[in-house]
């Protein structure tokens, strides 16, 4: 049932790792099965980002990008420079023309990162800017 490896970072701090399904930005919540097998109902408004990851290690070794199908496939788009309210910086691309009102998917600039795709909650952002 839960095919994707996810790492959820919450607005209030803290993370949870587990398995979930693909989702659309407009959905209100996702289901996540943590590594101990417990099911969590996570409201998207409570998250900072949700990372679709290759593995649960924080540092990724060199290797090929996993061939993954997403319900919502972020297209190559404009380069974004994001600064979160907690001071973290993130760059990637997204098929956006302006700052979205709801969450969106960001594709990392490098395929050497552990992140395949990142869901971003715009409420977590201090700065949203296009780099191109």
N, C-alpha and C. Protein backbone atom coordinates (compact mmCIF):
# COMPACT_ATOMS: atom_id res chain seq x y z
N UNK A 1 0.82 -1.19 0.00
CA UNK A 1 0.00 0.00 0.00
C UNK A 1 0.86 1.26 0.00
N UNK A 2 1.89 1.32 0.83
CA UNK A 2 2.75 2.50 0.93
C UNK A 2 4.05 2.21 0.20
N UNK A 3 4.23 2.83 -0.95
CA UNK A 3 5.35 2.51 -1.82
C UNK A 3 6.52 3.48 -1.76
N UNK A 4 6.27 4.72 -1.36
CA UNK A 4 7.29 5.75 -1.41
C UNK A 4 7.95 5.96 -0.05
N UNK A 5 9.27 6.16 -0.07
CA UNK A 5 10.00 6.51 1.15
C UNK A 5 9.88 8.01 1.35
N UNK A 6 9.36 8.41 2.51
CA UNK A 6 9.13 9.82 2.79
C UNK A 6 9.80 10.22 4.09
N UNK A 7 10.29 11.46 4.11
CA UNK A 7 10.75 12.09 5.35
C UNK A 7 9.97 13.38 5.49
N UNK A 8 9.17 13.47 6.56
CA UNK A 8 8.32 14.63 6.80
C UNK A 8 9.00 15.52 7.81
N UNK A 9 9.17 16.79 7.45
CA UNK A 9 9.72 17.81 8.35
C UNK A 9 8.55 18.72 8.73
N UNK A 10 8.31 18.88 10.03
CA UNK A 10 7.16 19.65 10.50
C UNK A 10 7.51 21.11 10.73
N UNK A 11 6.50 21.98 10.61
CA UNK A 11 6.68 23.41 10.85
C UNK A 11 7.19 23.68 12.26
N UNK A 12 6.71 22.95 13.22
CA UNK A 12 7.08 23.17 14.62
C UNK A 12 8.36 22.43 15.00
N UNK A 13 9.05 21.87 14.02
CA UNK A 13 10.27 21.11 14.28
C UNK A 13 9.96 19.62 14.33
N UNK A 14 10.98 18.85 14.26
CA UNK A 14 10.82 17.41 14.29
C UNK A 14 10.59 16.82 12.92
N UNK A 15 10.93 15.55 12.81
CA UNK A 15 10.76 14.82 11.56
C UNK A 15 10.20 13.43 11.86
N UNK A 16 9.67 12.83 10.84
CA UNK A 16 9.23 11.45 10.91
C UNK A 16 9.55 10.79 9.58
N UNK A 17 10.10 9.60 9.63
CA UNK A 17 10.43 8.84 8.43
C UNK A 17 9.44 7.70 8.28
N UNK A 18 9.15 7.36 7.04
CA UNK A 18 8.26 6.23 6.83
C UNK A 18 7.90 6.08 5.37
N UNK A 19 6.80 5.39 5.18
CA UNK A 19 6.35 5.06 3.84
C UNK A 19 4.97 5.63 3.60
N UNK A 20 4.77 6.18 2.41
CA UNK A 20 3.48 6.76 2.06
C UNK A 20 3.21 6.60 0.58
N UNK A 21 2.18 7.26 0.13
CA UNK A 21 1.78 7.23 -1.26
C UNK A 21 1.99 8.60 -1.88
N UNK A 22 1.97 8.64 -3.19
CA UNK A 22 2.00 9.92 -3.90
C UNK A 22 0.73 10.69 -3.55
N UNK A 23 0.80 11.98 -3.61
CA UNK A 23 -0.35 12.82 -3.29
C UNK A 23 -0.30 14.08 -4.13
N UNK A 24 -1.42 14.78 -4.16
CA UNK A 24 -1.50 16.05 -4.88
C UNK A 24 -1.40 17.20 -3.88
N UNK A 25 -0.86 18.35 -4.30
CA UNK A 25 -0.68 19.47 -3.38
C UNK A 25 -1.96 19.95 -2.70
N UNK A 26 -3.12 19.80 -3.35
CA UNK A 26 -4.37 20.28 -2.79
C UNK A 26 -5.00 19.37 -1.75
N UNK A 27 -4.43 18.20 -1.55
CA UNK A 27 -5.00 17.28 -0.57
C UNK A 27 -4.76 17.82 0.84
N UNK A 28 -5.67 17.52 1.73
CA UNK A 28 -5.57 18.05 3.09
C UNK A 28 -4.63 17.28 4.00
N UNK A 29 -4.48 15.98 3.74
CA UNK A 29 -3.63 15.17 4.59
C UNK A 29 -3.05 14.00 3.81
N UNK A 30 -2.03 13.41 4.39
CA UNK A 30 -1.45 12.19 3.84
C UNK A 30 -1.43 11.15 4.95
N UNK A 31 -1.33 9.90 4.54
CA UNK A 31 -1.11 8.81 5.48
C UNK A 31 0.34 8.39 5.38
N UNK A 32 0.95 8.15 6.50
CA UNK A 32 2.34 7.73 6.56
C UNK A 32 2.45 6.57 7.53
N UNK A 33 3.11 5.52 7.10
CA UNK A 33 3.41 4.40 8.00
C UNK A 33 4.85 4.57 8.43
N UNK A 34 5.06 4.81 9.74
CA UNK A 34 6.42 5.04 10.21
C UNK A 34 7.22 3.74 10.20
N UNK A 35 8.48 3.82 10.53
CA UNK A 35 9.38 2.67 10.44
C UNK A 35 9.05 1.59 11.46
N UNK A 36 8.23 1.91 12.44
CA UNK A 36 7.78 0.92 13.42
C UNK A 36 6.43 0.32 13.03
N UNK A 37 5.83 0.78 11.93
CA UNK A 37 4.58 0.24 11.44
C UNK A 37 3.33 1.00 11.84
N UNK A 38 3.47 2.07 12.61
CA UNK A 38 2.32 2.86 13.05
C UNK A 38 1.87 3.78 11.92
N UNK A 39 0.54 3.90 11.74
CA UNK A 39 -0.03 4.77 10.71
C UNK A 39 -0.30 6.15 11.31
N UNK A 40 0.14 7.20 10.60
CA UNK A 40 -0.06 8.59 11.01
C UNK A 40 -0.89 9.31 9.96
N UNK A 41 -1.87 10.09 10.41
CA UNK A 41 -2.62 11.00 9.55
C UNK A 41 -1.94 12.36 9.71
N UNK A 42 -1.30 12.84 8.65
CA UNK A 42 -0.53 14.08 8.73
C UNK A 42 -1.21 15.15 7.88
N UNK A 43 -1.62 16.23 8.52
CA UNK A 43 -2.22 17.35 7.80
C UNK A 43 -1.11 18.14 7.11
N UNK A 44 -1.30 18.40 5.82
CA UNK A 44 -0.27 19.10 5.05
C UNK A 44 0.01 20.50 5.58
N UNK A 45 -0.96 21.12 6.22
CA UNK A 45 -0.75 22.47 6.75
C UNK A 45 0.24 22.47 7.92
N UNK A 46 0.54 21.30 8.49
CA UNK A 46 1.45 21.20 9.63
C UNK A 46 2.89 20.90 9.22
N UNK A 47 3.12 20.67 7.92
CA UNK A 47 4.46 20.29 7.48
C UNK A 47 5.20 21.48 6.90
N UNK A 48 6.51 21.40 6.99
CA UNK A 48 7.41 22.35 6.32
C UNK A 48 7.67 21.81 4.92
N UNK A 49 8.22 20.62 4.85
CA UNK A 49 8.46 19.92 3.58
C UNK A 49 8.24 18.43 3.79
N UNK A 50 7.96 17.77 2.68
CA UNK A 50 7.93 16.30 2.65
C UNK A 50 8.88 15.89 1.55
N UNK A 51 9.89 15.14 1.91
CA UNK A 51 10.91 14.71 0.96
C UNK A 51 10.65 13.28 0.52
N UNK A 52 10.53 13.08 -0.79
CA UNK A 52 10.53 11.74 -1.36
C UNK A 52 12.00 11.38 -1.50
N UNK A 53 12.44 10.34 -0.80
CA UNK A 53 13.86 10.04 -0.72
C UNK A 53 14.20 8.69 -1.33
N UNK A 54 15.46 8.54 -1.68
CA UNK A 54 15.97 7.25 -2.18
C UNK A 54 16.15 6.28 -1.04
N UNK A 55 16.67 6.78 0.07
CA UNK A 55 16.85 5.95 1.26
C UNK A 55 16.76 6.84 2.48
N UNK A 56 16.82 6.24 3.66
CA UNK A 56 16.62 7.00 4.89
C UNK A 56 17.92 7.51 5.51
N UNK A 57 19.03 7.38 4.80
CA UNK A 57 20.28 7.97 5.27
C UNK A 57 20.26 9.46 4.96
N UNK A 58 20.95 10.25 5.77
CA UNK A 58 20.97 11.69 5.53
C UNK A 58 21.99 12.09 4.48
N UNK A 59 23.03 11.32 4.31
CA UNK A 59 24.05 11.61 3.30
C UNK A 59 23.98 10.53 2.24
N UNK A 60 23.87 10.93 1.00
CA UNK A 60 23.70 9.98 -0.09
C UNK A 60 25.03 9.73 -0.79
N UNK A 61 25.29 8.47 -1.05
CA UNK A 61 26.47 8.10 -1.82
C UNK A 61 26.20 8.37 -3.30
N UNK A 62 27.27 8.48 -4.09
CA UNK A 62 27.11 8.68 -5.53
C UNK A 62 26.31 7.52 -6.11
N UNK A 63 25.52 7.80 -7.12
CA UNK A 63 24.75 6.72 -7.74
C UNK A 63 23.69 7.26 -8.66
N UNK A 64 22.98 6.36 -9.27
CA UNK A 64 21.95 6.73 -10.22
C UNK A 64 20.69 7.18 -9.51
N UNK A 65 19.99 8.07 -10.15
CA UNK A 65 18.70 8.53 -9.64
C UNK A 65 17.68 7.40 -9.81
N UNK A 66 16.92 7.15 -8.77
CA UNK A 66 15.91 6.11 -8.81
C UNK A 66 14.84 6.49 -9.83
N UNK A 67 14.42 5.53 -10.64
CA UNK A 67 13.36 5.78 -11.60
C UNK A 67 12.03 5.62 -10.88
N UNK A 68 11.40 6.74 -10.54
CA UNK A 68 10.17 6.74 -9.78
C UNK A 68 9.09 7.47 -10.53
N UNK A 69 7.90 6.92 -10.52
CA UNK A 69 6.75 7.60 -11.11
C UNK A 69 6.01 8.32 -10.00
N UNK A 70 5.65 9.57 -10.25
CA UNK A 70 4.90 10.35 -9.28
C UNK A 70 3.53 10.65 -9.86
N UNK A 71 2.53 10.68 -9.00
CA UNK A 71 1.20 11.07 -9.41
C UNK A 71 1.26 12.48 -10.00
N UNK A 72 1.98 13.35 -9.31
CA UNK A 72 2.22 14.71 -9.80
C UNK A 72 3.71 14.78 -10.08
N UNK A 73 4.09 14.78 -11.34
CA UNK A 73 5.50 14.83 -11.70
C UNK A 73 5.92 16.28 -11.89
N UNK A 74 6.79 16.76 -11.02
CA UNK A 74 7.29 18.12 -11.18
C UNK A 74 8.11 18.18 -12.47
N UNK A 75 7.78 19.13 -13.31
CA UNK A 75 8.49 19.28 -14.56
C UNK A 75 9.70 20.16 -14.37
N UNK A 76 10.63 20.01 -15.28
CA UNK A 76 11.72 20.97 -15.28
C UNK A 76 11.08 22.33 -15.48
N UNK A 77 11.49 23.25 -14.70
CA UNK A 77 10.86 24.57 -14.79
C UNK A 77 11.85 25.64 -14.39
N UNK A 78 11.32 26.65 -13.78
CA UNK A 78 12.14 27.77 -13.35
C UNK A 78 12.90 27.41 -12.08
N UNK A 79 14.10 27.93 -12.01
CA UNK A 79 14.92 27.70 -10.83
C UNK A 79 14.42 28.60 -9.70
N UNK A 80 14.25 27.98 -8.52
CA UNK A 80 13.77 28.70 -7.34
C UNK A 80 14.83 28.76 -6.27
N UNK A 81 14.82 29.85 -5.54
CA UNK A 81 15.66 30.02 -4.36
C UNK A 81 14.70 30.24 -3.20
N UNK A 82 14.65 29.30 -2.27
CA UNK A 82 13.73 29.37 -1.15
C UNK A 82 14.49 29.54 0.15
N UNK A 83 13.94 30.38 1.03
CA UNK A 83 14.46 30.52 2.38
C UNK A 83 13.29 30.28 3.32
N UNK A 84 13.47 29.34 4.22
CA UNK A 84 12.43 28.98 5.16
C UNK A 84 12.52 29.86 6.41
N UNK A 85 11.42 29.94 7.14
CA UNK A 85 11.36 30.75 8.35
C UNK A 85 12.37 30.31 9.39
N UNK A 86 12.81 29.04 9.32
CA UNK A 86 13.82 28.56 10.27
C UNK A 86 15.25 28.81 9.78
N UNK A 87 15.38 29.51 8.63
CA UNK A 87 16.70 29.88 8.11
C UNK A 87 17.27 28.93 7.08
N UNK A 88 16.66 27.78 6.88
CA UNK A 88 17.17 26.83 5.89
C UNK A 88 16.96 27.37 4.48
N UNK A 89 17.96 27.13 3.59
CA UNK A 89 17.90 27.52 2.19
C UNK A 89 17.72 26.27 1.34
N UNK A 90 16.97 26.41 0.25
CA UNK A 90 16.75 25.28 -0.65
C UNK A 90 16.63 25.82 -2.07
N UNK A 91 17.27 25.13 -3.00
CA UNK A 91 17.18 25.48 -4.42
C UNK A 91 16.68 24.28 -5.20
N UNK A 92 15.96 24.56 -6.25
CA UNK A 92 15.46 23.51 -7.12
C UNK A 92 14.68 24.13 -8.26
N UNK A 93 13.98 23.30 -9.00
CA UNK A 93 13.16 23.80 -10.09
C UNK A 93 11.72 23.37 -9.88
N UNK A 94 10.82 24.20 -10.37
CA UNK A 94 9.39 23.91 -10.31
C UNK A 94 8.70 24.59 -11.49
N UNK A 95 7.63 24.00 -11.94
CA UNK A 95 6.86 24.56 -13.05
C UNK A 95 5.89 25.59 -12.50
N UNK A 96 6.42 26.73 -12.09
CA UNK A 96 5.63 27.80 -11.49
C UNK A 96 5.92 29.12 -12.19
N UNK A 97 4.93 30.02 -12.19
CA UNK A 97 5.13 31.37 -12.73
C UNK A 97 5.13 32.41 -11.62
N UNK A 98 4.55 32.06 -10.48
CA UNK A 98 4.49 32.97 -9.34
C UNK A 98 4.42 32.15 -8.06
N UNK A 99 4.53 32.83 -6.93
CA UNK A 99 4.45 32.13 -5.65
C UNK A 99 3.07 31.50 -5.51
N UNK A 100 3.00 30.20 -5.30
CA UNK A 100 1.70 29.54 -5.22
C UNK A 100 1.04 29.73 -3.85
N UNK A 101 -0.28 29.67 -3.84
CA UNK A 101 -1.03 29.78 -2.60
C UNK A 101 -1.05 28.46 -1.84
N UNK A 102 -0.96 27.35 -2.57
CA UNK A 102 -0.93 26.04 -1.92
C UNK A 102 0.43 25.39 -2.14
N UNK A 103 0.61 24.26 -1.51
CA UNK A 103 1.89 23.56 -1.61
C UNK A 103 2.24 23.20 -3.05
N UNK A 104 3.54 22.96 -3.27
CA UNK A 104 4.02 22.64 -4.60
C UNK A 104 5.20 21.67 -4.49
N UNK A 105 5.52 21.05 -5.63
CA UNK A 105 6.63 20.12 -5.69
C UNK A 105 7.85 20.79 -6.31
N UNK A 106 8.98 20.55 -5.70
CA UNK A 106 10.26 21.09 -6.14
C UNK A 106 11.16 19.92 -6.53
N UNK A 107 11.84 20.06 -7.65
CA UNK A 107 12.79 19.04 -8.09
C UNK A 107 14.19 19.53 -7.74
N UNK A 108 14.98 18.74 -7.00
CA UNK A 108 16.35 19.16 -6.66
C UNK A 108 17.18 19.43 -7.91
N UNK A 109 18.15 20.33 -7.78
CA UNK A 109 19.01 20.67 -8.92
C UNK A 109 19.96 19.54 -9.29
N UNK A 110 20.37 18.76 -8.32
CA UNK A 110 21.32 17.68 -8.56
C UNK A 110 20.64 16.33 -8.40
N UNK A 111 20.99 15.40 -9.26
CA UNK A 111 20.46 14.05 -9.09
C UNK A 111 21.32 13.24 -8.10
N UNK A 112 22.33 13.87 -7.53
CA UNK A 112 23.17 13.20 -6.54
C UNK A 112 22.64 13.36 -5.11
N UNK A 113 21.59 14.15 -4.94
CA UNK A 113 20.99 14.32 -3.64
C UNK A 113 20.14 13.10 -3.30
N UNK A 114 19.88 12.89 -2.03
CA UNK A 114 19.01 11.80 -1.60
C UNK A 114 17.55 12.10 -1.93
N UNK A 115 17.22 13.36 -2.10
CA UNK A 115 15.84 13.75 -2.39
C UNK A 115 15.52 13.58 -3.86
N UNK A 116 14.43 12.88 -4.13
CA UNK A 116 13.94 12.74 -5.50
C UNK A 116 13.04 13.91 -5.87
N UNK A 117 12.21 14.29 -4.91
CA UNK A 117 11.26 15.37 -5.10
C UNK A 117 10.88 15.87 -3.71
N UNK A 118 10.52 17.16 -3.63
CA UNK A 118 10.21 17.75 -2.32
C UNK A 118 8.90 18.52 -2.42
N UNK A 119 7.98 18.17 -1.53
CA UNK A 119 6.75 18.95 -1.39
C UNK A 119 7.06 20.10 -0.44
N UNK A 120 6.71 21.33 -0.83
CA UNK A 120 6.98 22.52 -0.02
C UNK A 120 5.67 23.17 0.39
N UNK A 121 5.52 23.44 1.67
CA UNK A 121 4.38 24.19 2.18
C UNK A 121 4.76 25.67 2.13
N UNK A 122 4.07 26.50 1.33
CA UNK A 122 4.46 27.91 1.22
C UNK A 122 4.34 28.68 2.54
N UNK A 123 3.56 28.17 3.48
CA UNK A 123 3.44 28.82 4.79
C UNK A 123 4.75 28.75 5.58
N UNK A 124 5.63 27.85 5.19
CA UNK A 124 6.92 27.68 5.87
C UNK A 124 7.99 28.63 5.35
N UNK A 125 7.68 29.36 4.27
CA UNK A 125 8.68 30.17 3.58
C UNK A 125 8.76 31.61 4.09
N UNK A 126 9.99 32.06 4.23
CA UNK A 126 10.27 33.47 4.51
C UNK A 126 10.49 34.20 3.18
N UNK A 127 11.18 33.54 2.24
CA UNK A 127 11.49 34.13 0.93
C UNK A 127 11.24 33.10 -0.17
N UNK A 128 10.60 33.55 -1.23
CA UNK A 128 10.35 32.76 -2.43
C UNK A 128 10.83 33.60 -3.59
N UNK A 129 11.83 33.11 -4.31
CA UNK A 129 12.35 33.90 -5.43
C UNK A 129 12.77 33.04 -6.59
N UNK A 130 12.60 33.59 -7.79
CA UNK A 130 13.07 32.92 -9.00
C UNK A 130 14.52 33.32 -9.23
N UNK A 131 15.34 32.34 -9.61
CA UNK A 131 16.76 32.58 -9.83
C UNK A 131 17.10 32.78 -11.30
N UNK A 132 16.14 32.56 -12.18
CA UNK A 132 16.46 32.70 -13.60
C UNK A 132 15.74 33.88 -14.22
